Protein backbone atom coordinates (compact mmCIF):
# COMPACT_ATOMS: atom_id res chain seq x y z
CA MET A 1 -25.32 -2.52 -15.77
CA SER A 2 -26.51 -5.29 -18.06
CA ALA A 3 -25.98 -8.94 -17.14
CA ALA A 4 -23.61 -9.28 -20.12
CA SER A 5 -21.41 -6.34 -19.10
CA ALA A 6 -21.32 -7.51 -15.48
CA ALA A 7 -20.22 -10.97 -16.63
CA ALA A 8 -17.48 -9.41 -18.76
CA ILE A 9 -16.12 -7.53 -15.76
CA VAL A 10 -16.08 -10.63 -13.58
CA THR A 11 -13.99 -12.55 -16.11
CA ASN A 12 -11.20 -9.95 -15.79
CA THR A 13 -10.39 -9.72 -12.09
CA ARG A 14 -6.77 -8.56 -12.43
CA PHE A 15 -6.06 -4.85 -12.05
CA ALA A 16 -2.85 -3.08 -12.97
CA ASN A 17 -3.04 -0.89 -9.85
CA LEU A 18 -5.57 0.68 -7.50
CA PHE A 19 -6.61 3.34 -10.04
CA ASP A 20 -7.43 0.61 -12.57
CA LEU A 21 -10.56 -0.05 -10.49
CA ALA A 22 -11.94 3.00 -12.31
CA ARG A 23 -12.72 0.67 -15.24
CA LEU A 24 -15.52 -0.71 -13.09
CA PRO A 25 -18.75 1.27 -13.50
CA TRP A 26 -18.96 2.25 -9.84
CA PHE A 27 -15.66 4.15 -9.60
CA GLU A 28 -13.86 6.96 -11.40
CA LEU A 29 -10.69 9.03 -11.13
CA ARG A 30 -10.92 12.65 -10.04
CA ALA A 31 -7.83 14.79 -9.59
CA GLY A 32 -5.70 11.68 -9.35
CA ARG A 33 -7.82 10.00 -6.67
CA LEU A 34 -10.16 7.01 -6.88
CA VAL A 35 -13.71 7.97 -5.92
CA LEU A 36 -17.19 6.46 -5.91
CA ALA A 37 -18.88 7.55 -9.13
CA ASP A 38 -22.34 6.15 -8.36
CA ARG A 39 -23.34 8.08 -5.25
CA SER A 40 -26.57 6.10 -5.00
CA LEU A 41 -24.31 3.42 -3.51
CA ALA A 42 -23.00 5.70 -0.77
CA GLY A 43 -23.64 4.80 2.85
CA ALA A 44 -21.39 1.78 3.43
CA ILE A 45 -20.19 0.98 6.95
CA ASP A 46 -16.69 -0.50 7.20
CA LEU A 47 -16.60 -2.99 10.09
CA HIS A 48 -12.85 -3.60 9.92
CA SER A 49 -10.34 -0.75 10.03
CA HIS A 50 -7.34 0.31 12.11
CA LEU A 51 -5.21 3.32 12.91
CA ALA A 52 -1.47 3.23 13.63
CA LEU A 53 -0.82 0.79 16.47
CA SER A 54 1.72 1.85 19.11
CA TYR A 55 3.51 -0.20 21.72
CA GLY A 56 5.86 0.92 24.48
CA PHE A 57 3.55 3.89 25.15
CA PRO A 58 3.17 6.85 24.91
CA ALA A 59 1.81 6.69 21.36
CA ARG A 60 4.33 7.93 18.82
CA VAL A 61 2.04 8.75 15.89
CA ASP A 62 -0.07 11.91 15.79
CA LEU A 63 -3.42 10.32 14.95
CA ARG A 64 -5.05 13.69 14.28
CA LYS A 65 -2.54 14.77 11.64
CA ALA A 66 -3.45 14.77 7.94
CA HIS A 67 -1.01 13.58 5.28
CA ALA A 68 -1.19 14.16 1.54
CA GLU A 69 -1.19 10.43 0.81
CA THR A 70 -1.98 7.29 2.77
CA GLU A 71 0.70 4.62 2.52
CA HIS A 72 -1.38 1.46 2.45
CA TYR A 73 0.51 -1.75 3.10
CA LEU A 74 -0.58 -2.97 -0.34
CA PRO A 75 0.90 -0.15 -2.44
CA LYS A 76 -1.41 1.76 -4.78
CA ASP A 77 0.80 0.90 -7.77
CA ARG A 78 0.81 -2.84 -7.05
CA GLU A 79 -0.95 -5.15 -9.50
CA PHE A 80 -3.62 -7.21 -7.76
CA ASP A 81 -6.20 -9.87 -8.41
CA LEU A 82 -9.63 -9.89 -6.78
CA GLU A 83 -9.77 -13.65 -7.24
CA VAL A 84 -7.24 -14.55 -4.52
CA TYR A 85 -7.09 -14.04 -0.78
CA ILE A 86 -5.90 -10.46 -0.74
CA ASN A 87 -2.53 -10.91 0.98
CA LYS A 88 -1.46 -13.14 -1.93
CA ASN A 89 -1.00 -9.89 -3.86
CA PHE A 90 1.92 -8.77 -1.68
CA LEU A 91 5.39 -9.06 -3.12
CA ALA A 92 8.24 -10.25 -0.90
CA ASP A 93 9.48 -6.67 -0.39
CA ASP A 94 5.96 -5.54 0.54
CA LEU A 95 5.82 -8.16 3.29
CA LYS A 96 9.21 -7.12 4.64
CA ARG A 97 8.11 -3.48 4.84
CA LEU A 98 4.84 -4.51 6.48
CA GLU A 99 6.63 -6.61 9.09
CA ARG A 100 9.06 -3.79 9.96
CA ASP A 101 6.25 -1.26 10.12
CA LEU A 102 4.18 -3.38 12.52
CA SER A 103 7.08 -4.44 14.74
CA LEU A 104 10.08 -2.18 15.29
CA LYS A 105 8.43 0.91 13.86
CA SER A 106 5.43 0.47 16.16
CA LEU A 107 7.80 1.85 18.82
CA THR A 108 8.36 5.02 16.76
CA GLY A 109 6.45 7.60 14.75
CA TRP A 110 8.20 6.65 11.51
CA GLY A 111 7.37 4.49 8.55
CA MET A 112 4.17 4.06 6.56
CA ARG A 113 2.22 3.96 9.81
CA LYS A 114 2.61 7.70 10.37
CA THR A 115 -0.01 8.20 7.63
CA HIS A 116 -2.54 5.83 9.24
CA THR A 117 -4.43 8.63 10.94
CA VAL A 118 -8.00 9.74 11.49
CA PRO A 119 -7.99 12.50 8.81
CA ASN A 120 -6.50 10.19 6.19
CA LEU A 121 -9.09 7.51 6.86
CA ALA A 122 -11.87 10.12 6.86
CA ARG A 123 -10.74 11.45 3.46
CA GLU A 124 -10.82 7.98 1.90
CA MET A 125 -14.26 7.37 3.41
CA GLU A 126 -15.58 10.63 1.96
CA GLU A 127 -14.21 9.80 -1.49
CA LEU A 128 -15.92 6.40 -1.43
CA GLY A 129 -19.18 7.36 0.25
CA ILE A 130 -18.43 5.35 3.37
CA THR A 131 -20.39 6.85 6.26
CA SER A 132 -18.78 5.02 9.19
CA SER A 133 -15.64 3.02 9.92
CA VAL A 134 -15.21 0.77 12.94
CA LEU A 135 -11.72 1.08 14.43
CA LEU A 136 -10.27 -2.12 15.89
CA PRO A 137 -7.39 -1.56 18.36
CA ILE A 138 -5.13 -4.32 19.65
CA ASP A 139 -3.63 -4.09 23.14
CA MET A 140 -1.17 -6.22 25.06
CA PRO A 141 -1.24 -6.83 28.84
CA VAL A 142 1.16 -3.92 29.44
CA LEU A 143 2.93 -1.16 27.49
CA SER A 144 0.08 -0.34 25.15
CA LYS A 145 -2.98 1.88 25.35
CA ASN A 146 -4.22 1.72 21.79
CA ALA A 147 -7.92 1.45 22.67
CA LEU A 148 -8.01 4.54 24.88
CA THR A 149 -5.66 6.47 22.56
CA TRP A 150 -7.88 5.81 19.56
CA LEU A 151 -11.09 6.60 21.44
CA SER A 152 -9.55 9.92 22.40
CA ALA A 153 -8.40 10.60 18.83
CA ILE A 154 -11.92 10.14 17.38
CA GLU A 155 -13.73 12.36 19.87
CA GLY A 156 -15.94 14.70 17.86
CA ARG A 157 -15.76 12.43 14.77
CA PRO A 158 -19.19 10.76 14.54
CA GLU A 159 -18.15 8.90 11.37
CA MET A 160 -15.63 6.92 13.44
CA ILE A 161 -16.81 4.11 15.73
CA GLY A 162 -14.31 2.84 18.26
CA PHE A 163 -14.08 -0.68 19.64
CA GLY A 164 -12.15 -1.62 22.74
CA SER A 165 -9.31 -4.04 23.32
CA VAL A 166 -8.58 -5.78 26.62
CA HIS A 167 -5.91 -8.43 26.74
CA PRO A 168 -7.14 -11.50 28.65
CA PHE A 169 -4.00 -11.37 30.83
CA ALA A 170 -4.33 -7.67 31.68
CA ARG A 171 -4.85 -6.71 35.31
CA ASN A 172 -8.47 -5.88 36.17
CA PRO A 173 -9.87 -6.74 32.71
CA GLU A 174 -13.47 -6.01 33.72
CA ALA A 175 -12.55 -2.52 34.93
CA LYS A 176 -10.58 -1.87 31.72
CA LEU A 177 -13.50 -2.99 29.59
CA ASP A 178 -15.93 -0.78 31.48
CA GLU A 179 -13.62 2.22 31.17
CA GLN A 180 -13.39 1.74 27.41
CA ILE A 181 -17.18 1.40 27.13
CA ARG A 182 -17.58 4.58 29.18
CA ARG A 183 -15.23 6.30 26.73
CA GLY A 184 -17.40 5.19 23.80
CA ALA A 185 -16.28 1.68 22.81
CA ARG A 186 -19.09 -0.13 20.97
CA GLY A 187 -17.55 -3.60 20.92
CA LEU A 188 -14.39 -5.58 21.68
CA LYS A 189 -11.64 -6.58 19.25
CA VAL A 190 -9.84 -9.89 19.90
CA HIS A 191 -6.79 -10.88 17.84
CA PRO A 192 -5.41 -14.25 18.96
CA ALA A 193 -2.44 -14.20 16.55
CA VAL A 194 -1.15 -10.80 17.73
CA GLN A 195 -2.14 -11.11 21.40
CA PHE A 196 -0.77 -14.69 21.58
CA VAL A 197 -3.84 -16.02 23.39
CA GLY A 198 -6.10 -18.72 21.98
CA PRO A 199 -9.74 -17.69 21.46
CA ASP A 200 -10.76 -20.60 23.70
CA HIS A 201 -8.45 -19.68 26.62
CA PRO A 202 -10.33 -19.55 29.97
CA ARG A 203 -9.30 -15.93 30.58
CA ALA A 204 -10.60 -14.95 27.14
CA MET A 205 -13.84 -16.80 27.84
CA LYS A 206 -14.46 -14.52 30.81
CA LEU A 207 -14.16 -11.48 28.57
CA TYR A 208 -16.78 -12.80 26.15
CA ALA A 209 -19.25 -13.26 28.99
CA LEU A 210 -18.61 -9.68 30.12
CA CYS A 211 -19.32 -8.44 26.59
CA GLY A 212 -22.57 -10.38 26.43
CA ALA A 213 -23.70 -8.93 29.74
CA ARG A 214 -22.97 -5.44 28.39
CA ASN A 215 -24.66 -6.12 25.04
CA ILE A 216 -21.59 -5.37 22.91
CA PRO A 217 -20.26 -7.61 20.11
CA VAL A 218 -16.88 -9.30 19.94
CA LEU A 219 -15.05 -9.00 16.63
CA PHE A 220 -12.49 -11.77 16.22
CA HIS A 221 -9.58 -11.96 13.89
CA CYS A 222 -10.62 -15.42 12.75
CA GLY A 223 -8.67 -17.97 10.76
CA PRO A 224 -5.09 -18.35 9.52
CA VAL A 225 -3.96 -15.93 6.81
CA GLY A 226 -0.72 -17.62 5.76
CA ILE A 227 1.70 -14.79 6.58
CA GLU A 228 1.52 -14.89 10.38
CA LEU A 229 3.93 -16.61 12.77
CA ALA A 230 3.46 -20.37 13.19
CA ILE A 231 2.08 -19.87 16.70
CA GLY A 232 -0.44 -17.37 15.35
CA ARG A 233 -1.53 -19.90 12.74
CA ARG A 234 -2.18 -22.49 15.45
CA LEU A 235 -4.08 -20.04 17.65
CA THR A 236 -6.41 -18.92 14.85
CA GLN A 237 -7.64 -22.29 13.60
CA VAL A 238 -11.38 -21.81 13.13
CA ARG A 239 -12.24 -24.93 15.13
CA ARG A 240 -10.90 -23.15 18.25
CA TYR A 241 -13.62 -20.49 18.01
CA GLU A 242 -16.53 -22.87 18.44
CA LYS A 243 -16.20 -23.25 22.21
CA PRO A 244 -16.51 -19.53 23.00
CA ILE A 245 -19.39 -19.20 20.53
CA ALA A 246 -21.27 -22.22 21.89
CA GLU A 247 -20.75 -21.36 25.55
CA ASN A 248 -21.71 -17.69 25.18
CA PRO A 249 -25.00 -17.71 23.27
CA GLY A 250 -25.82 -14.25 24.63
CA THR A 251 -22.72 -12.73 23.04
CA VAL A 252 -22.60 -11.75 19.37
CA PHE A 253 -19.40 -12.82 17.62
CA VAL A 254 -18.25 -11.34 14.30
CA LEU A 255 -15.74 -13.56 12.52
CA GLY A 256 -13.27 -11.13 10.97
CA HIS A 257 -12.14 -12.16 7.48
CA SER A 258 -14.89 -14.84 7.54
CA GLY A 259 -12.36 -17.39 8.74
CA ALA A 260 -9.64 -16.21 6.32
CA LEU A 261 -8.14 -19.30 4.64
CA GLN A 262 -10.65 -21.53 6.45
CA MET A 263 -13.79 -19.86 5.11
CA GLU A 264 -15.76 -23.09 4.81
CA GLU A 265 -15.43 -23.73 8.55
CA ALA A 266 -16.55 -20.17 9.31
CA ILE A 267 -19.64 -20.53 7.13
CA ALA A 268 -20.44 -23.75 9.00
CA LEU A 269 -20.17 -21.97 12.38
CA ALA A 270 -22.47 -19.19 11.16
CA ALA A 271 -24.99 -21.80 9.99
CA LYS A 272 -24.86 -23.64 13.32
CA TYR A 273 -24.95 -20.68 15.71
CA PRO A 274 -27.29 -17.67 15.39
CA ASN A 275 -24.90 -15.47 17.39
CA VAL A 276 -22.24 -15.63 14.64
CA TRP A 277 -21.76 -12.97 11.96
CA LEU A 278 -19.34 -12.99 9.02
CA GLU A 279 -17.15 -10.01 8.02
CA LEU A 280 -15.85 -10.05 4.45
CA SER A 281 -12.47 -8.29 4.44
CA SER A 282 -9.65 -9.98 2.50
CA GLN A 283 -11.73 -12.79 0.99
CA SER A 284 -11.52 -13.46 -2.76
CA LEU A 285 -14.35 -12.43 -5.06
CA SER A 286 -15.46 -16.06 -5.49
CA ASN A 287 -15.51 -16.54 -1.73
CA VAL A 288 -17.50 -13.33 -1.22
CA LYS A 289 -20.04 -14.68 -3.72
CA ARG A 290 -20.11 -17.98 -1.86
CA ILE A 291 -20.66 -16.28 1.49
CA LEU A 292 -23.43 -14.05 0.11
CA GLY A 293 -25.08 -17.08 -1.47
CA ASP A 294 -24.79 -19.61 1.36
CA ALA A 295 -24.74 -17.67 4.65
CA ASP A 296 -27.59 -15.82 6.34
CA SER A 297 -27.68 -12.50 4.49
CA ASN A 298 -28.83 -10.77 7.68
CA ARG A 299 -25.50 -11.55 9.40
CA ILE A 300 -22.91 -10.50 6.83
CA VAL A 301 -21.01 -7.19 6.93
CA TYR A 302 -18.48 -5.37 4.76
CA GLY A 303 -14.95 -4.66 5.98
CA SER A 304 -11.73 -3.41 4.37
CA ASP A 305 -8.86 -3.98 6.86
CA TRP A 306 -7.67 -0.40 6.22
CA PRO A 307 -4.80 0.66 6.15
CA PHE A 308 -3.56 -2.72 4.94
CA TYR A 309 -5.76 -2.21 1.87
CA HIS A 310 -7.61 0.65 0.22
CA GLN A 311 -11.30 0.57 1.14
CA ALA A 312 -12.33 0.47 -2.53
CA ILE A 313 -10.96 -3.05 -3.02
CA GLY A 314 -13.44 -4.61 -0.61
CA LEU A 315 -16.25 -2.42 -1.98
CA ALA A 316 -15.52 -3.62 -5.52
CA LYS A 317 -15.92 -7.24 -4.44
CA VAL A 318 -19.27 -6.57 -2.77
CA PHE A 319 -20.51 -4.57 -5.78
CA LEU A 320 -19.55 -7.39 -8.15
CA ALA A 321 -20.85 -10.20 -5.94
CA SER A 322 -24.21 -8.50 -5.33
CA GLU A 323 -24.82 -7.21 -8.86
CA GLY A 324 -28.53 -7.46 -9.67
CA ASN A 325 -29.58 -7.82 -6.01
CA ASP A 326 -29.92 -4.35 -4.52
CA ALA A 327 -31.61 -5.62 -1.35
CA LEU A 328 -28.70 -7.94 -0.58
CA ARG A 329 -26.15 -5.22 -1.38
CA LYS A 330 -27.80 -2.79 1.04
CA LYS A 331 -27.88 -5.40 3.80
CA VAL A 332 -24.20 -6.21 3.46
CA LEU A 333 -22.96 -2.65 3.01
CA HIS A 334 -24.91 -0.92 5.75
CA GLU A 335 -28.25 -2.26 6.98
CA ASN A 336 -26.82 -5.22 8.89
CA ALA A 337 -24.07 -3.10 10.43
CA LYS A 338 -26.57 -0.52 11.60
CA ARG A 339 -28.52 -3.22 13.37
CA LEU A 340 -25.40 -4.79 14.90
CA LEU A 341 -24.08 -1.46 16.18
CA ARG A 342 -27.51 -0.04 17.03
CA ILE A 343 -27.07 2.92 14.69
CA THR A 344 -30.32 4.79 14.19
């Protein structure tokens, strides 16, 4: 693509719907589905994805079942703008459906979440040339077994990489962590806003030390996103992540969403501490450009936050932000992730 054509694309960041991304040179429509047209760009690793979460076990959703369509929380027919934090594209009705799906319907097998399964994620990955997706479960102290359920669901699926989840207030957290690692977990997901535990809580601090001793990274949900509960907003202030980072220099921390609405603070943490990585999901195109320009390019990774959003939306931002710099694009899309996850 010429510099002039790339600049023209960047000036028009609004898309009528998901399929409108096909006007970018890297995508096209085939049989009514959005696919990666330029297969030389295949090989991305998505560091931020989820399956259907279940609480009040046993799990209610058949995670191995394929569905004709994936019901992303941001609907495929919704107009969206790459130049805003991605959840700003939700309409009020979208947010109501999302809230119901993640709360009451997490106790059932109904709702959009029934389509958030391994085969549906795998199909989207294949269409977009994504070679691996990291699955990030979220567990509570009791009445949830998302980590073990997901690790079981992806057995025999080498394109899926499972992380673990141990609530800081769970009984025998070290034993739970070791069981998840034995079952294949390659890291630990921590979500202060959902788990209702600050990232700097003493019990959480013990978990980070355990991860460092076992040489696995911690991926935080990091920063307020504007649609969470007030308590979640307080718990995810980026300043609260510095203590665990500073006091656990042997543990690698990935800041999910690159600090969300507090991106500047996240960039500052990554500049100050060499054990901090930045994950790009949900950030605006301008912010992705800022991160790629100002942060250490060896510690930045791509993520989508699937099934909240189609994986192509995050890819489009990386393609646009890295246009003309193939070496940087490769680092962000897959080389850094391979090094972080020790993928040969």
